[in-house]
Structures are given as C-alpha cells and as structure tokens.
Amino acid sequence: MSARKVDGSAEFQQLTVEARETRLSLAPNEVRVRKNGVEFRSASPIAAWTEMTVTLQSTRDSGRVHCTGVVVACNGNRHTGYTVSMVFTSLSKQSQARLNLLAYS
C-alpha cells in the first residue's frame, strides 16, 4: 500500500472495523487511510486473511463509506499493541473515489 498519511481529524469522525469476533471503533488519529486499504492499531492480534468490514464516516458530508477487505499483516506484541494492515477486496467506484479523496488530501 502506498499513499500519504491523512490528517484524520479533518476527514472523518470515526472508523469502525468489524470481523466475526472483533468490533473496533477507532479515532481518526489511530488510522492511516491508504489508496487500497487502511492501517490501524489494535490491542489484540488479528489473524492474517481475516475478512473484515470497515465503515468510514466523513466529517465533510453525512456520507459513509463501507468497505470489505482482508488483513494482510499484523505486527507487534501484547505489550505495545499491534499494527494491522488491511487491503480492500472489492470497492464500488463511488467508494474508491471517496477513499482516494481521503488518502490524497
């Protein structure tokens, strides 16, 4: 994944990440939006290839972006937390356009 870091406080209010056993609500400063996915911190590890759903809520408009993806990396330990990298698998053209605005702004 490659893109610039987003100033999250200006772009979206909250990020919600869900899997079967996991639901995370993350503050904007805990998330890096990328061109093809997101990176975020988690207190517990998430196994690679876990399918997850992400909801981004923008502060610019009332719209939300719903994305499905898979975890491709989870690095860290239980003392410092884990950095999770997730790649989106199928995005609508509208969702891709919104993510591009977030990633490149």
Protein backbone atom coordinates (compact mmCIF):
# COMPACT_ATOMS: atom_id res chain seq x y z
CA MET A 1 0.00 0.00 0.00
CA SER A 2 1.25 3.44 -0.75
CA ALA A 3 -0.19 6.86 -0.08
CA ARG A 4 0.29 9.85 2.12
CA LYS A 5 -0.86 9.91 5.73
CA VAL A 6 -4.24 11.51 6.21
CA ASP A 7 -4.94 14.27 8.69
CA GLY A 8 -7.76 12.20 10.09
CA SER A 9 -9.28 14.83 12.34
CA ALA A 10 -10.42 16.85 9.36
CA GLU A 11 -11.58 13.99 7.16
CA PHE A 12 -13.64 11.52 9.14
CA GLN A 13 -15.17 11.22 12.57
CA GLN A 14 -14.73 7.57 13.34
CA LEU A 15 -13.66 4.30 11.80
CA THR A 16 -15.47 1.09 12.66
CA VAL A 17 -13.79 -2.23 11.85
CA GLU A 18 -15.69 -5.50 12.23
CA ALA A 19 -14.96 -9.20 11.94
CA ARG A 20 -16.92 -12.11 13.39
CA GLU A 21 -15.35 -11.88 16.85
CA THR A 22 -13.99 -8.33 16.71
CA ARG A 23 -15.51 -4.87 16.55
CA LEU A 24 -13.27 -1.82 16.87
CA SER A 25 -14.27 1.84 16.93
CA LEU A 26 -11.18 3.89 16.19
CA ALA A 27 -10.48 7.60 16.47
CA PRO A 28 -9.23 9.36 13.33
CA ASN A 29 -5.68 9.76 14.68
CA GLU A 30 -5.38 5.97 15.09
CA VAL A 31 -5.98 5.23 11.40
CA ARG A 32 -3.96 5.69 8.22
CA VAL A 33 -6.09 5.62 5.08
CA ARG A 34 -4.23 4.24 2.09
CA LYS A 35 -5.10 4.05 -1.59
CA ASN A 36 -6.09 0.37 -1.38
CA GLY A 37 -6.74 -0.09 2.34
CA VAL A 38 -6.14 1.08 5.88
CA GLU A 39 -3.68 0.61 8.71
CA PHE A 40 -4.72 0.84 12.35
CA ARG A 41 -3.63 -0.12 15.87
CA SER A 42 -5.30 -2.91 17.82
CA ALA A 43 -4.84 -4.13 21.38
CA SER A 44 -5.25 -7.73 20.27
CA PRO A 45 -3.82 -9.52 17.24
CA ILE A 46 -5.95 -10.19 14.17
CA ALA A 47 -5.03 -13.20 12.08
CA ALA A 48 -3.85 -12.71 8.50
CA TRP A 49 -6.53 -13.33 5.86
CA THR A 50 -9.32 -12.44 8.28
CA GLU A 51 -12.12 -10.81 6.31
CA MET A 52 -13.31 -7.55 7.85
CA THR A 53 -15.79 -4.78 7.14
CA VAL A 54 -14.76 -1.13 7.53
CA THR A 55 -17.07 1.87 7.85
CA LEU A 56 -15.62 5.37 7.48
CA GLN A 57 -17.83 8.29 8.47
CA SER A 58 -16.81 11.59 6.89
CA THR A 59 -16.96 14.97 8.60
CA ARG A 60 -17.32 16.79 5.28
CA ASP A 61 -20.68 15.27 4.45
CA SER A 62 -23.10 12.88 6.07
CA GLY A 63 -21.97 10.01 3.86
CA ARG A 64 -20.35 6.80 4.99
CA VAL A 65 -18.01 4.53 3.10
CA HIS A 66 -18.46 0.78 3.67
CA CYS A 67 -15.59 -1.44 2.53
CA THR A 68 -14.77 -5.12 2.79
CA GLY A 69 -11.19 -6.33 2.94
CA VAL A 70 -8.72 -8.78 4.37
CA VAL A 71 -5.95 -8.41 6.91
CA VAL A 72 -2.59 -8.85 5.17
CA ALA A 73 -0.28 -8.13 8.11
CA CYS A 74 -0.43 -7.83 11.87
CA ASN A 75 2.81 -6.90 13.61
CA GLY A 76 3.53 -6.13 17.23
CA ASN A 77 3.17 -7.70 20.65
CA ARG A 78 0.78 -7.70 23.57
CA HIS A 79 2.77 -5.04 25.44
CA THR A 80 2.88 -2.37 22.74
CA GLY A 81 -0.16 -3.34 20.68
CA TYR A 82 -0.46 -4.48 17.09
CA THR A 83 -0.33 -2.62 13.80
CA VAL A 84 -2.86 -4.14 11.43
CA SER A 85 -2.67 -3.64 7.65
CA MET A 86 -5.82 -4.31 5.68
CA VAL A 87 -6.36 -4.31 1.91
CA PHE A 88 -9.80 -3.74 0.43
CA THR A 89 -11.04 -6.52 -1.84
CA SER A 90 -13.92 -5.05 -3.80
CA LEU A 91 -14.86 -1.40 -3.85
CA SER A 92 -17.59 0.35 -5.76
CA LYS A 93 -16.45 3.22 -7.96
CA GLN A 94 -18.08 5.67 -5.57
CA SER A 95 -16.31 4.20 -2.53
CA GLN A 96 -12.97 4.18 -4.39
CA ALA A 97 -13.42 7.85 -5.28
CA ARG A 98 -14.14 8.78 -1.64
CA LEU A 99 -11.14 6.80 -0.41
CA ASN A 100 -8.90 8.48 -2.97
CA LEU A 101 -10.02 11.86 -1.65
CA LEU A 102 -9.21 10.79 1.90
CA ALA A 103 -5.87 9.19 1.00
CA TYR A 104 -4.57 12.04 -1.13
CA SER A 105 -5.92 15.06 0.74
